[in-house]
Amino acid sequence: MSGDLREGDEAALDSLVVLVAESLGYSCVRLPGDVMALEGPHRLHVGLRDLWQLARLMPRGDWPAVVSDHVTTVVTAVEEPLDLGDFALIRHLLRTRVQPAGADPGTLAARPFAPGLIEVVVVDTPTTVRTLTRAEVARWRVPDGELFALGRANVHADGLLQREERPARSPGEPAVTVLHDWTFYAATHVLWLEEYLRLGPLGALVALPSRGLVLALELRPARDGDALAEAAARLRATAERGFREGPGSLSRELYWWRQGELTPLERGEDGRAPVLPEGLLLAVAGERTAWD
């Protein structure tokens, strides 16, 4: 049965990574930050945390196959590079996905998405999703704005995410909308939040805990400030859990989505509870603010 990893499971999964890598002609060196470096015909890195998170969702008997598929996909992406020469042929494969800012070593075709997050351009094929570098996209002579717009349009054309409502716990508390799917691009859909929710001028509180999950809480005037604060605290707790569980962890933070902009909320003195801006609390209480 799938479930939480037990003591020793991470080490067992790491050993499976070593076995698969060696079968493909690579030796392994464990690096800080939950990364396994593979040395052989090429030098490449396997992120272990994503693998642990994926394994947690699978029956233990499937772990060897899961690890083999994961490592083989990483190796194949490097050893069998795509022909990126003809932009007209590759353009329909382009997507943009959200990643933690620390994922860019300075070479990726990336730009800021929100504080702590970046948006990268990838090629999505039936066997792998490969993040492109600045050097690779430069050969196309396509402006950055056009390239990212194309990647976003292709994500949007793939269809909307699944949508669920988590009911409020009290009469004055807003419900949480959960958007999810087995895709690398769910977080990109926060760009189209208005297609999922009836958003007013106050926008929403949102969280992007992992690549397959978006959490949103609509903000409307005449709500109880205390109830909103409690709902925001629960939303952060859910985001923390989604970040830990993954797969594809992105951010523990809560953001205020307003007119397409994402502003991170500060944390309280305990380092956990979100601090709602005073202007937001006044606005949800129906009082006039400088935004009116």
Foldseek 3Di string as FASTA:
>chain_A
DAAADDPPRLVVLVVLLQVLLVVVAWHWDQDPPQWIWTDGPDTDIDRSLLLNLVRNGDDPVCSSVSSNLRNVLRVCCVVVPDDLQDCVVQLLQKAKFKAFPVVDPPFFLWDPDAVRIIIFIWGHDPRYIGTHTPVSCVNVVDDSVVSHVSNLVSVVVVDFFDWDWDDAPDPLAFIKIKGFDPDQHNVSCVQVVVVVDVADQQAWKWACFFSGIIITTHFAAQGQLVNHQVNQLVRLVVSVVCNSNYNGTHDSFIFRAGPSHTHTFDADPVRRRGDDDPQSSCVNPVHDDPVD
